[in-house]
Full PDB file with SEQRES, HELIX, SHEET, SSBOND, CRYST1, ORIGX, SCALE, CONECT and MASTER records, all heavy atoms in Angstrom:
SEQRES   1 A   34  HIS GLY ILE ALA HIS GLY GLY PHE ILE PHE THR LEU ALA          
SEQRES   2 A   34  ASP SER THR PHE ALA PHE ALA SER ASN SER TYR ASN GLU          
SEQRES   3 A   34  ARG ALA VAL ALA ALA GLN GLY ASN                              
HELIX    1 AA1 GLY A    6  SER A   21  1                                  16    
CRYST1    1.000    1.000    1.000  90.00  90.00  90.00 P 1           1          
ORIGX1      1.000000  0.000000  0.000000        0.00000                         
ORIGX2      0.000000  1.000000  0.000000        0.00000                         
ORIGX3      0.000000  0.000000  1.000000        0.00000                         
SCALE1      1.000000  0.000000  0.000000        0.00000                         
SCALE2      0.000000  1.000000  0.000000        0.00000                         
SCALE3      0.000000  0.000000  1.000000        0.00000                         
ATOM      1  N   HIS A   1       5.299 195.217  60.387  1.00  0.00           N  
ATOM      2  CA  HIS A   1       5.802 194.234  61.260  1.00  0.00           C  
ATOM      3  C   HIS A   1       6.239 193.015  60.593  1.00  0.00           C  
ATOM      4  O   HIS A   1       6.619 192.015  61.276  1.00  0.00           O  
ATOM      5  CB  HIS A   1       4.831 193.895  62.406  1.00  0.00           C  
ATOM      6  CG  HIS A   1       4.531 195.121  63.260  1.00  0.00           C  
ATOM      7  ND1 HIS A   1       5.440 195.719  64.121  1.00  0.00           N  
ATOM      8  CD2 HIS A   1       3.361 195.887  63.436  1.00  0.00           C  
ATOM      9  CE1 HIS A   1       4.887 196.704  64.787  1.00  0.00           C  
ATOM     10  NE2 HIS A   1       3.614 196.851  64.373  1.00  0.00           N  
ATOM     11  N   GLY A   2       6.076 192.967  59.309  1.00  0.00           N  
ATOM     12  CA  GLY A   2       6.422 191.796  58.543  1.00  0.00           C  
ATOM     13  C   GLY A   2       5.336 190.638  58.699  1.00  0.00           C  
ATOM     14  O   GLY A   2       5.646 189.534  58.397  1.00  0.00           O  
ATOM     15  N   ILE A   3       4.071 190.987  59.102  1.00  0.00           N  
ATOM     16  CA  ILE A   3       3.033 190.012  59.205  1.00  0.00           C  
ATOM     17  C   ILE A   3       1.850 190.446  58.377  1.00  0.00           C  
ATOM     18  O   ILE A   3       1.729 191.670  57.887  1.00  0.00           O  
ATOM     19  CB  ILE A   3       2.684 189.803  60.652  1.00  0.00           C  
ATOM     20  CG1 ILE A   3       2.162 191.085  61.352  1.00  0.00           C  
ATOM     21  CG2 ILE A   3       3.777 189.116  61.462  1.00  0.00           C  
ATOM     22  CD1 ILE A   3       1.649 190.949  62.709  1.00  0.00           C  
ATOM     23  N   ALA A   4       0.859 189.584  58.130  1.00  0.00           N  
ATOM     24  CA  ALA A   4      -0.298 189.938  57.338  1.00  0.00           C  
ATOM     25  C   ALA A   4      -1.010 191.051  58.034  1.00  0.00           C  
ATOM     26  O   ALA A   4      -1.281 191.009  59.266  1.00  0.00           O  
ATOM     27  CB  ALA A   4      -1.246 188.753  57.250  1.00  0.00           C  
ATOM     28  N   HIS A   5      -1.378 192.085  57.231  1.00  0.00           N  
ATOM     29  CA  HIS A   5      -2.114 193.218  57.770  1.00  0.00           C  
ATOM     30  C   HIS A   5      -3.505 192.718  58.199  1.00  0.00           C  
ATOM     31  O   HIS A   5      -4.165 192.024  57.475  1.00  0.00           O  
ATOM     32  CB  HIS A   5      -2.229 194.256  56.724  1.00  0.00           C  
ATOM     33  CG  HIS A   5      -2.809 195.625  57.159  1.00  0.00           C  
ATOM     34  ND1 HIS A   5      -4.145 195.748  57.443  1.00  0.00           N  
ATOM     35  CD2 HIS A   5      -2.219 196.829  57.313  1.00  0.00           C  
ATOM     36  CE1 HIS A   5      -4.378 196.861  57.863  1.00  0.00           C  
ATOM     37  NE2 HIS A   5      -3.209 197.675  57.740  1.00  0.00           N  
ATOM     38  N   GLY A   6      -3.948 193.097  59.300  1.00  0.00           N  
ATOM     39  CA  GLY A   6      -5.247 192.659  59.866  1.00  0.00           C  
ATOM     40  C   GLY A   6      -6.409 193.025  58.942  1.00  0.00           C  
ATOM     41  O   GLY A   6      -7.372 192.286  58.901  1.00  0.00           O  
ATOM     42  N   GLY A   7      -6.273 194.085  58.205  1.00  0.00           N  
ATOM     43  CA  GLY A   7      -7.376 194.435  57.349  1.00  0.00           C  
ATOM     44  C   GLY A   7      -7.596 193.507  56.215  1.00  0.00           C  
ATOM     45  O   GLY A   7      -8.729 193.186  55.722  1.00  0.00           O  
ATOM     46  N   PHE A   8      -6.494 192.812  55.778  1.00  0.00           N  
ATOM     47  CA  PHE A   8      -6.717 191.773  54.732  1.00  0.00           C  
ATOM     48  C   PHE A   8      -7.292 190.493  55.339  1.00  0.00           C  
ATOM     49  O   PHE A   8      -8.181 189.817  54.662  1.00  0.00           O  
ATOM     50  CB  PHE A   8      -5.367 191.444  54.026  1.00  0.00           C  
ATOM     51  CG  PHE A   8      -4.928 192.638  53.204  1.00  0.00           C  
ATOM     52  CD1 PHE A   8      -3.895 193.395  53.663  1.00  0.00           C  
ATOM     53  CD2 PHE A   8      -5.561 192.861  52.026  1.00  0.00           C  
ATOM     54  CE1 PHE A   8      -3.407 194.427  52.851  1.00  0.00           C  
ATOM     55  CE2 PHE A   8      -5.073 193.924  51.203  1.00  0.00           C  
ATOM     56  CZ  PHE A   8      -4.033 194.722  51.539  1.00  0.00           C  
ATOM     57  N   ILE A   9      -6.956 190.164  56.566  1.00  0.00           N  
ATOM     58  CA  ILE A   9      -7.540 189.019  57.195  1.00  0.00           C  
ATOM     59  C   ILE A   9      -9.039 189.302  57.427  1.00  0.00           C  
ATOM     60  O   ILE A   9      -9.870 188.443  57.227  1.00  0.00           O  
ATOM     61  CB  ILE A   9      -6.857 188.644  58.574  1.00  0.00           C  
ATOM     62  CG1 ILE A   9      -5.442 188.333  58.222  1.00  0.00           C  
ATOM     63  CG2 ILE A   9      -7.553 187.609  59.302  1.00  0.00           C  
ATOM     64  CD1 ILE A   9      -4.519 188.195  59.528  1.00  0.00           C  
ATOM     65  N   PHE A  10      -9.358 190.483  57.920  1.00  0.00           N  
ATOM     66  CA  PHE A  10     -10.706 190.887  58.079  1.00  0.00           C  
ATOM     67  C   PHE A  10     -11.544 190.803  56.768  1.00  0.00           C  
ATOM     68  O   PHE A  10     -12.633 190.285  56.705  1.00  0.00           O  
ATOM     69  CB  PHE A  10     -10.833 192.276  58.594  1.00  0.00           C  
ATOM     70  CG  PHE A  10     -12.278 192.782  58.942  1.00  0.00           C  
ATOM     71  CD1 PHE A  10     -12.740 192.759  60.220  1.00  0.00           C  
ATOM     72  CD2 PHE A  10     -13.031 193.287  57.908  1.00  0.00           C  
ATOM     73  CE1 PHE A  10     -14.045 193.107  60.531  1.00  0.00           C  
ATOM     74  CE2 PHE A  10     -14.389 193.700  58.219  1.00  0.00           C  
ATOM     75  CZ  PHE A  10     -14.858 193.604  59.539  1.00  0.00           C  
ATOM     76  N   THR A  11     -10.988 191.280  55.698  1.00  0.00           N  
ATOM     77  CA  THR A  11     -11.596 191.268  54.343  1.00  0.00           C  
ATOM     78  C   THR A  11     -11.893 189.750  53.892  1.00  0.00           C  
ATOM     79  O   THR A  11     -12.967 189.548  53.407  1.00  0.00           O  
ATOM     80  CB  THR A  11     -10.700 191.954  53.303  1.00  0.00           C  
ATOM     81  OG1 THR A  11     -10.501 193.343  53.768  1.00  0.00           O  
ATOM     82  CG2 THR A  11     -11.372 191.991  51.953  1.00  0.00           C  
ATOM     83  N   LEU A  12     -10.967 188.934  54.126  1.00  0.00           N  
ATOM     84  CA  LEU A  12     -11.202 187.472  53.754  1.00  0.00           C  
ATOM     85  C   LEU A  12     -12.392 186.954  54.607  1.00  0.00           C  
ATOM     86  O   LEU A  12     -13.335 186.301  54.123  1.00  0.00           O  
ATOM     87  CB  LEU A  12      -9.960 186.584  54.054  1.00  0.00           C  
ATOM     88  CG  LEU A  12     -10.200 185.108  53.842  1.00  0.00           C  
ATOM     89  CD1 LEU A  12     -10.614 184.758  52.451  1.00  0.00           C  
ATOM     90  CD2 LEU A  12      -9.009 184.323  54.322  1.00  0.00           C  
ATOM     91  N   ALA A  13     -12.317 187.258  55.962  1.00  0.00           N  
ATOM     92  CA  ALA A  13     -13.455 186.829  56.781  1.00  0.00           C  
ATOM     93  C   ALA A  13     -14.802 187.465  56.461  1.00  0.00           C  
ATOM     94  O   ALA A  13     -15.789 186.748  56.321  1.00  0.00           O  
ATOM     95  CB  ALA A  13     -13.149 187.071  58.258  1.00  0.00           C  
ATOM     96  N   ASP A  14     -14.680 188.697  56.063  1.00  0.00           N  
ATOM     97  CA  ASP A  14     -16.001 189.386  55.664  1.00  0.00           C  
ATOM     98  C   ASP A  14     -16.556 188.894  54.343  1.00  0.00           C  
ATOM     99  O   ASP A  14     -17.752 188.706  54.253  1.00  0.00           O  
ATOM    100  CB  ASP A  14     -15.699 190.893  55.542  1.00  0.00           C  
ATOM    101  CG  ASP A  14     -16.851 191.787  55.184  1.00  0.00           C  
ATOM    102  OD1 ASP A  14     -17.938 191.644  55.870  1.00  0.00           O  
ATOM    103  OD2 ASP A  14     -16.778 192.537  54.271  1.00  0.00           O  
ATOM    104  N   SER A  15     -15.680 188.588  53.435  1.00  0.00           N  
ATOM    105  CA  SER A  15     -16.122 188.036  52.092  1.00  0.00           C  
ATOM    106  C   SER A  15     -16.769 186.563  52.374  1.00  0.00           C  
ATOM    107  O   SER A  15     -17.767 186.305  51.645  1.00  0.00           O  
ATOM    108  CB  SER A  15     -14.968 187.976  51.155  1.00  0.00           C  
ATOM    109  OG  SER A  15     -14.575 189.215  50.720  1.00  0.00           O  
ATOM    110  N   THR A  16     -16.117 185.835  53.205  1.00  0.00           N  
ATOM    111  CA  THR A  16     -16.574 184.516  53.532  1.00  0.00           C  
ATOM    112  C   THR A  16     -17.998 184.678  54.147  1.00  0.00           C  
ATOM    113  O   THR A  16     -18.955 183.876  53.815  1.00  0.00           O  
ATOM    114  CB  THR A  16     -15.697 183.752  54.342  1.00  0.00           C  
ATOM    115  OG1 THR A  16     -14.349 183.792  53.814  1.00  0.00           O  
ATOM    116  CG2 THR A  16     -16.099 182.282  54.598  1.00  0.00           C  
ATOM    117  N   PHE A  17     -18.147 185.583  55.080  1.00  0.00           N  
ATOM    118  CA  PHE A  17     -19.487 185.837  55.700  1.00  0.00           C  
ATOM    119  C   PHE A  17     -20.482 186.271  54.671  1.00  0.00           C  
ATOM    120  O   PHE A  17     -21.665 185.789  54.717  1.00  0.00           O  
ATOM    121  CB  PHE A  17     -19.170 186.963  56.759  1.00  0.00           C  
ATOM    122  CG  PHE A  17     -20.339 187.867  57.201  1.00  0.00           C  
ATOM    123  CD1 PHE A  17     -21.520 187.251  57.709  1.00  0.00           C  
ATOM    124  CD2 PHE A  17     -20.241 189.130  57.187  1.00  0.00           C  
ATOM    125  CE1 PHE A  17     -22.543 188.006  58.106  1.00  0.00           C  
ATOM    126  CE2 PHE A  17     -21.249 190.008  57.627  1.00  0.00           C  
ATOM    127  CZ  PHE A  17     -22.410 189.427  58.054  1.00  0.00           C  
ATOM    128  N   ALA A  18     -20.069 187.023  53.680  1.00  0.00           N  
ATOM    129  CA  ALA A  18     -21.010 187.574  52.702  1.00  0.00           C  
ATOM    130  C   ALA A  18     -21.542 186.308  51.844  1.00  0.00           C  
ATOM    131  O   ALA A  18     -22.722 186.277  51.611  1.00  0.00           O  
ATOM    132  CB  ALA A  18     -20.361 188.506  51.740  1.00  0.00           C  
ATOM    133  N   PHE A  19     -20.691 185.405  51.423  1.00  0.00           N  
ATOM    134  CA  PHE A  19     -21.126 184.285  50.728  1.00  0.00           C  
ATOM    135  C   PHE A  19     -22.064 183.398  51.560  1.00  0.00           C  
ATOM    136  O   PHE A  19     -23.002 182.852  51.011  1.00  0.00           O  
ATOM    137  CB  PHE A  19     -19.966 183.438  50.131  1.00  0.00           C  
ATOM    138  CG  PHE A  19     -19.301 184.161  48.902  1.00  0.00           C  
ATOM    139  CD1 PHE A  19     -18.272 185.035  49.068  1.00  0.00           C  
ATOM    140  CD2 PHE A  19     -19.927 184.007  47.643  1.00  0.00           C  
ATOM    141  CE1 PHE A  19     -17.788 185.704  47.965  1.00  0.00           C  
ATOM    142  CE2 PHE A  19     -19.430 184.628  46.527  1.00  0.00           C  
ATOM    143  CZ  PHE A  19     -18.327 185.543  46.707  1.00  0.00           C  
ATOM    144  N   ALA A  20     -21.795 183.219  52.866  1.00  0.00           N  
ATOM    145  CA  ALA A  20     -22.685 182.417  53.676  1.00  0.00           C  
ATOM    146  C   ALA A  20     -23.998 183.118  53.896  1.00  0.00           C  
ATOM    147  O   ALA A  20     -25.065 182.457  53.733  1.00  0.00           O  
ATOM    148  CB  ALA A  20     -22.006 182.116  55.015  1.00  0.00           C  
ATOM    149  N   SER A  21     -24.055 184.391  54.116  1.00  0.00           N  
ATOM    150  CA  SER A  21     -25.219 185.073  54.503  1.00  0.00           C  
ATOM    151  C   SER A  21     -26.136 185.367  53.248  1.00  0.00           C  
ATOM    152  O   SER A  21     -27.307 185.625  53.422  1.00  0.00           O  
ATOM    153  CB  SER A  21     -24.996 186.370  55.156  1.00  0.00           C  
ATOM    154  OG  SER A  21     -24.257 187.317  54.431  1.00  0.00           O  
ATOM    155  N   ASN A  22     -25.519 185.259  52.072  1.00  0.00           N  
ATOM    156  CA  ASN A  22     -26.357 185.403  50.794  1.00  0.00           C  
ATOM    157  C   ASN A  22     -26.684 184.073  50.162  1.00  0.00           C  
ATOM    158  O   ASN A  22     -27.161 184.079  49.047  1.00  0.00           O  
ATOM    159  CB  ASN A  22     -25.513 186.323  49.799  1.00  0.00           C  
ATOM    160  CG  ASN A  22     -25.658 187.740  50.138  1.00  0.00           C  
ATOM    161  OD1 ASN A  22     -26.593 188.408  49.667  1.00  0.00           O  
ATOM    162  ND2 ASN A  22     -24.699 188.246  50.879  1.00  0.00           N  
ATOM    163  N   SER A  23     -26.547 183.047  50.867  1.00  0.00           N  
ATOM    164  CA  SER A  23     -26.771 181.697  50.274  1.00  0.00           C  
ATOM    165  C   SER A  23     -28.174 181.255  50.146  1.00  0.00           C  
ATOM    166  O   SER A  23     -28.490 180.146  49.567  1.00  0.00           O  
ATOM    167  CB  SER A  23     -25.974 180.627  51.190  1.00  0.00           C  
ATOM    168  OG  SER A  23     -26.535 180.558  52.422  1.00  0.00           O  
ATOM    169  N   TYR A  24     -29.122 181.999  50.660  1.00  0.00           N  
ATOM    170  CA  TYR A  24     -30.524 181.671  50.564  1.00  0.00           C  
ATOM    171  C   TYR A  24     -31.274 182.450  49.532  1.00  0.00           C  
ATOM    172  O   TYR A  24     -32.513 182.406  49.516  1.00  0.00           O  
ATOM    173  CB  TYR A  24     -31.177 181.961  51.959  1.00  0.00           C  
ATOM    174  CG  TYR A  24     -30.676 181.157  53.108  1.00  0.00           C  
ATOM    175  CD1 TYR A  24     -29.807 181.686  53.968  1.00  0.00           C  
ATOM    176  CD2 TYR A  24     -31.001 179.814  53.150  1.00  0.00           C  
ATOM    177  CE1 TYR A  24     -29.189 180.867  54.992  1.00  0.00           C  
ATOM    178  CE2 TYR A  24     -30.492 178.952  54.153  1.00  0.00           C  
ATOM    179  CZ  TYR A  24     -29.624 179.546  55.122  1.00  0.00           C  
ATOM    180  OH  TYR A  24     -29.100 178.794  56.102  1.00  0.00           O  
ATOM    181  N   ASN A  25     -30.602 183.153  48.653  1.00  0.00           N  
ATOM    182  CA  ASN A  25     -31.095 183.939  47.569  1.00  0.00           C  
ATOM    183  C   ASN A  25     -31.933 185.064  48.060  1.00  0.00           C  
ATOM    184  O   ASN A  25     -32.963 185.481  47.405  1.00  0.00           O  
ATOM    185  CB  ASN A  25     -31.928 183.074  46.623  1.00  0.00           C  
ATOM    186  CG  ASN A  25     -32.094 183.756  45.173  1.00  0.00           C  
ATOM    187  OD1 ASN A  25     -31.300 184.519  44.815  1.00  0.00           O  
ATOM    188  ND2 ASN A  25     -33.143 183.381  44.553  1.00  0.00           N  
ATOM    189  N   GLU A  26     -31.562 185.655  49.203  1.00  0.00           N  
ATOM    190  CA  GLU A  26     -32.034 186.935  49.727  1.00  0.00           C  
ATOM    191  C   GLU A  26     -30.756 187.840  49.877  1.00  0.00           C  
ATOM    192  O   GLU A  26     -29.881 187.501  50.621  1.00  0.00           O  
ATOM    193  CB  GLU A  26     -32.713 186.687  51.092  1.00  0.00           C  
ATOM    194  CG  GLU A  26     -33.925 185.864  51.066  1.00  0.00           C  
ATOM    195  CD  GLU A  26     -34.549 185.771  52.440  1.00  0.00           C  
ATOM    196  OE1 GLU A  26     -35.253 186.688  52.904  1.00  0.00           O  
ATOM    197  OE2 GLU A  26     -34.212 184.719  53.138  1.00  0.00           O  
ATOM    198  N   ARG A  27     -30.815 188.973  49.184  1.00  0.00           N  
ATOM    199  CA  ARG A  27     -29.665 189.875  49.227  1.00  0.00           C  
ATOM    200  C   ARG A  27     -29.462 190.316  50.708  1.00  0.00           C  
ATOM    201  O   ARG A  27     -30.410 190.848  51.372  1.00  0.00           O  
ATOM    202  CB  ARG A  27     -29.882 191.059  48.394  1.00  0.00           C  
ATOM    203  CG  ARG A  27     -29.722 190.703  46.874  1.00  0.00           C  
ATOM    204  CD  ARG A  27     -29.739 191.949  45.978  1.00  0.00           C  
ATOM    205  NE  ARG A  27     -29.662 191.543  44.568  1.00  0.00           N  
ATOM    206  CZ  ARG A  27     -28.483 191.351  43.924  1.00  0.00           C  
ATOM    207  NH1 ARG A  27     -27.365 191.607  44.523  1.00  0.00           N  
ATOM    208  NH2 ARG A  27     -28.542 191.062  42.575  1.00  0.00           N  
ATOM    209  N   ALA A  28     -28.251 190.139  51.182  1.00  0.00           N  
ATOM    210  CA  ALA A  28     -27.901 190.472  52.525  1.00  0.00           C  
ATOM    211  C   ALA A  28     -26.603 191.302  52.575  1.00  0.00           C  
ATOM    212  O   ALA A  28     -25.744 191.057  51.756  1.00  0.00           O  
ATOM    213  CB  ALA A  28     -27.830 189.250  53.413  1.00  0.00           C  
ATOM    214  N   VAL A  29     -26.496 192.197  53.432  1.00  0.00           N  
ATOM    215  CA  VAL A  29     -25.294 192.972  53.659  1.00  0.00           C  
ATOM    216  C   VAL A  29     -24.898 192.918  55.100  1.00  0.00           C  
ATOM    217  O   VAL A  29     -25.653 192.528  56.012  1.00  0.00           O  
ATOM    218  CB  VAL A  29     -25.457 194.507  53.243  1.00  0.00           C  
ATOM    219  CG1 VAL A  29     -25.824 194.580  51.772  1.00  0.00           C  
ATOM    220  CG2 VAL A  29     -26.624 195.169  54.021  1.00  0.00           C  
ATOM    221  N   ALA A  30     -23.680 193.361  55.423  1.00  0.00           N  
ATOM    222  CA  ALA A  30     -23.178 193.337  56.771  1.00  0.00           C  
ATOM    223  C   ALA A  30     -23.729 194.538  57.558  1.00  0.00           C  
ATOM    224  O   ALA A  30     -23.830 195.630  57.005  1.00  0.00           O  
ATOM    225  CB  ALA A  30     -21.643 193.451  56.807  1.00  0.00           C  
ATOM    226  N   ALA A  31     -24.373 194.253  58.700  1.00  0.00           N  
ATOM    227  CA  ALA A  31     -24.772 195.283  59.619  1.00  0.00           C  
ATOM    228  C   ALA A  31     -23.682 195.611  60.521  1.00  0.00           C  
ATOM    229  O   ALA A  31     -23.609 196.756  61.120  1.00  0.00           O  
ATOM    230  CB  ALA A  31     -26.061 194.917  60.247  1.00  0.00           C  
ATOM    231  N   GLN A  32     -22.887 194.566  60.933  1.00  0.00           N  
ATOM    232  CA  GLN A  32     -21.878 194.673  61.856  1.00  0.00           C  
ATOM    233  C   GLN A  32     -20.866 193.583  61.746  1.00  0.00           C  
ATOM    234  O   GLN A  32     -21.289 192.473  61.358  1.00  0.00           O  
ATOM    235  CB  GLN A  32     -22.446 194.801  63.346  1.00  0.00           C  
ATOM    236  CG  GLN A  32     -21.576 195.158  64.408  1.00  0.00           C  
ATOM    237  CD  GLN A  32     -21.000 193.988  65.155  1.00  0.00           C  
ATOM    238  OE1 GLN A  32     -21.456 192.889  65.139  1.00  0.00           O  
ATOM    239  NE2 GLN A  32     -19.841 194.171  65.775  1.00  0.00           N  
ATOM    240  N   GLY A  33     -19.668 193.796  62.085  1.00  0.00           N  
ATOM    241  CA  GLY A  33     -18.673 192.712  62.056  1.00  0.00           C  
ATOM    242  C   GLY A  33     -17.506 193.070  63.035  1.00  0.00           C  
ATOM    243  O   GLY A  33     -17.135 194.170  63.126  1.00  0.00           O  
ATOM    244  N   ASN A  34     -17.073 191.993  63.725  1.00  0.00           N  
ATOM    245  CA  ASN A  34     -15.822 192.311  64.527  1.00  0.00           C  
ATOM    246  C   ASN A  34     -14.890 191.067  64.450  1.00  0.00           C  
ATOM    247  O   ASN A  34     -15.383 189.928  64.073  1.00  0.00           O  
ATOM    248  CB  ASN A  34     -16.153 192.649  65.979  1.00  0.00           C  
ATOM    249  CG  ASN A  34     -16.948 191.531  66.682  1.00  0.00           C  
ATOM    250  OD1 ASN A  34     -16.576 190.378  66.559  1.00  0.00           O  
ATOM    251  ND2 ASN A  34     -17.915 191.897  67.449  1.00  0.00           N  
TER     252      ASN A  34                                                      
MASTER        0    0    0    1    0    0    0    6  251    1    0    3          
END                                                                             
């Protein structure tokens, strides 16, 4: 459609979530995301 694929937007959001959720020096992974 000539627009950013939603999967790449999700990936950016997911990566940002990962850096925030791992900021306390406790390894954390995504259990769910929407």
